[in-house]
C-alpha atoms as a PDB file:
ATOM      1  CA  MET A   1       0.258   5.462  12.495  1.00  0.00           C
ATOM      2  CA  ASN A   2       3.741   5.239  10.852  1.00  0.00           C
ATOM      3  CA  THR A   3       3.670   1.432  10.374  1.00  0.00           C
ATOM      4  CA  PRO A   4       6.230  -0.331   8.125  1.00  0.00           C
ATOM      5  CA  ALA A   5       4.692  -2.264   5.228  1.00  0.00           C
ATOM      6  CA  THR A   6       5.537  -3.738   1.824  1.00  0.00           C
ATOM      7  CA  ILE A   7       3.782  -3.140  -1.492  1.00  0.00           C
ATOM      8  CA  VAL A   8       3.709  -6.195  -3.755  1.00  0.00           C
ATOM      9  CA  SER A   9       2.415  -5.935  -7.323  1.00  0.00           C
ATOM     10  CA  ASP A  10      -0.254  -8.385  -8.461  1.00  0.00           C
ATOM     11  CA  ASP A  11       2.328 -10.328 -10.503  1.00  0.00           C
ATOM     12  CA  GLY A  12       4.721 -10.409  -7.521  1.00  0.00           C
ATOM     13  CA  LEU A  13       7.610  -8.907  -9.521  1.00  0.00           C
ATOM     14  CA  PHE A  14       7.558  -5.504  -7.807  1.00  0.00           C
ATOM     15  CA  ARG A  15       8.187  -5.123  -4.058  1.00  0.00           C
ATOM     16  CA  LEU A  16       8.667  -1.851  -2.249  1.00  0.00           C
ATOM     17  CA  GLY A  17       9.044  -1.006   1.428  1.00  0.00           C
ATOM     18  CA  VAL A  18       6.718   1.821   2.536  1.00  0.00           C
ATOM     19  CA  ARG A  19       5.179   3.265   5.695  1.00  0.00           C
ATOM     20  CA  ILE A  20       1.441   3.431   6.374  1.00  0.00           C
ATOM     21  CA  MET A  21       0.866   6.957   7.638  1.00  0.00           C
ATOM     22  CA  ASN A  22      -2.856   6.618   8.329  1.00  0.00           C
ATOM     23  CA  ARG A  23      -5.616   4.114   7.777  1.00  0.00           C
ATOM     24  CA  SER A  24      -9.397   4.260   7.680  1.00  0.00           C
ATOM     25  CA  ALA A  25     -12.051   1.632   7.046  1.00  0.00           C
ATOM     26  CA  SER A  26     -11.848   2.309   3.308  1.00  0.00           C
ATOM     27  CA  GLY A  27      -8.259   3.303   2.587  1.00  0.00           C
ATOM     28  CA  VAL A  28      -4.671   4.075   3.516  1.00  0.00           C
ATOM     29  CA  MET A  29      -2.172   6.854   2.989  1.00  0.00           C
ATOM     30  CA  ILE A  30       1.329   5.539   2.438  1.00  0.00           C
ATOM     31  CA  GLU A  31       4.731   7.200   2.284  1.00  0.00           C
ATOM     32  CA  LEU A  32       7.555   5.903   0.100  1.00  0.00           C
ATOM     33  CA  ASP A  33      11.238   6.448   0.936  1.00  0.00           C
ATOM     34  CA  ALA A  34      11.777   7.736  -2.595  1.00  0.00           C
ATOM     35  CA  TYR A  35       9.539   8.399  -5.580  1.00  0.00           C
ATOM     36  CA  HIS A  36       8.419   5.293  -7.506  1.00  0.00           C
ATOM     37  CA  VAL A  37       5.498   4.972  -9.883  1.00  0.00           C
ATOM     38  CA  LEU A  38       3.139   2.583  -8.102  1.00  0.00           C
ATOM     39  CA  PRO A  39       1.074  -0.064  -9.905  1.00  0.00           C
ATOM     40  CA  ASN A  40      -2.688   0.542 -10.202  1.00  0.00           C
ATOM     41  CA  SER A  41      -3.417  -2.446  -7.984  1.00  0.00           C
ATOM     42  CA  PHE A  42      -1.232  -4.147  -5.403  1.00  0.00           C
ATOM     43  CA  THR A  43      -1.226  -6.010  -2.111  1.00  0.00           C
ATOM     44  CA  LEU A  44      -0.123  -4.202   1.021  1.00  0.00           C
ATOM     45  CA  LEU A  45       1.603  -6.479   3.544  1.00  0.00           C
ATOM     46  CA  PHE A  46       1.959  -5.414   7.178  1.00  0.00           C
ATOM     47  CA  GLY A  47       2.064  -7.453  10.354  1.00  0.00           C
ATOM     48  CA  HIS A  48       0.095 -10.602   9.572  1.00  0.00           C
ATOM     49  CA  VAL A  49      -2.309  -8.749   7.273  1.00  0.00           C
ATOM     50  CA  LEU A  50      -2.635  -8.834   3.476  1.00  0.00           C
ATOM     51  CA  GLU A  51      -4.697  -5.933   2.086  1.00  0.00           C
ATOM     52  CA  PRO A  52      -5.538  -5.881  -1.637  1.00  0.00           C
ATOM     53  CA  CYS A  53      -5.497  -2.199  -2.690  1.00  0.00           C
ATOM     54  CA  ARG A  54      -6.278   0.008  -5.666  1.00  0.00           C
ATOM     55  CA  LEU A  55      -4.198   3.171  -6.160  1.00  0.00           C
ATOM     56  CA  VAL A  56      -6.384   6.293  -6.000  1.00  0.00           C
ATOM     57  CA  TRP A  57      -3.773   9.065  -6.072  1.00  0.00           C
ATOM     58  CA  GLN A  58      -0.032   9.640  -5.909  1.00  0.00           C
ATOM     59  CA  ILE A  59       1.823  12.901  -5.407  1.00  0.00           C
ATOM     60  CA  GLY A  60       5.583  12.454  -5.191  1.00  0.00           C
ATOM     61  CA  SER A  61       6.401  10.064  -2.363  1.00  0.00           C
ATOM     62  CA  LEU A  62       2.859  10.066  -0.895  1.00  0.00           C
ATOM     63  CA  ALA A  63       0.008   7.919  -2.168  1.00  0.00           C
ATOM     64  CA  GLY A  64      -3.547   7.034  -1.262  1.00  0.00           C
ATOM     65  CA  ALA A  65      -5.111   3.653  -1.924  1.00  0.00           C
ATOM     66  CA  ARG A  66      -8.591   2.200  -1.534  1.00  0.00           C
ATOM     67  CA  LEU A  67      -8.721  -1.046   0.445  1.00  0.00           C
ATOM     68  CA  GLU A  68     -10.416  -3.855  -1.446  1.00  0.00           C
ATOM     69  CA  ALA A  69     -11.740  -6.928   0.432  1.00  0.00           C
ATOM     70  CA  SER A  70      -9.412  -7.815   3.308  1.00  0.00           C
ATOM     71  CA  ILE A  71      -7.575 -11.152   3.382  1.00  0.00           C
ATOM     72  CA  GLN A  72      -6.574 -12.315   6.862  1.00  0.00           C
ATOM     73  CA  ASP A  73      -4.211 -15.211   7.793  1.00  0.00           C
END
């Protein structure tokens, strides 16, 4: 997939550019440019889509997140 996206923390104070490497109906795998500790929950912004997510795993600069209910514009 390799789609650019932005992670935004629930409080809006943390923003990080990432790439969505793959996506399924229930989750995403994202790649960070450099290692950062991700928040447990965040919103993933890409295109015109806002996806509330919950972090499931993180190993170095790769992470997997479960998609919560989708919010569309």
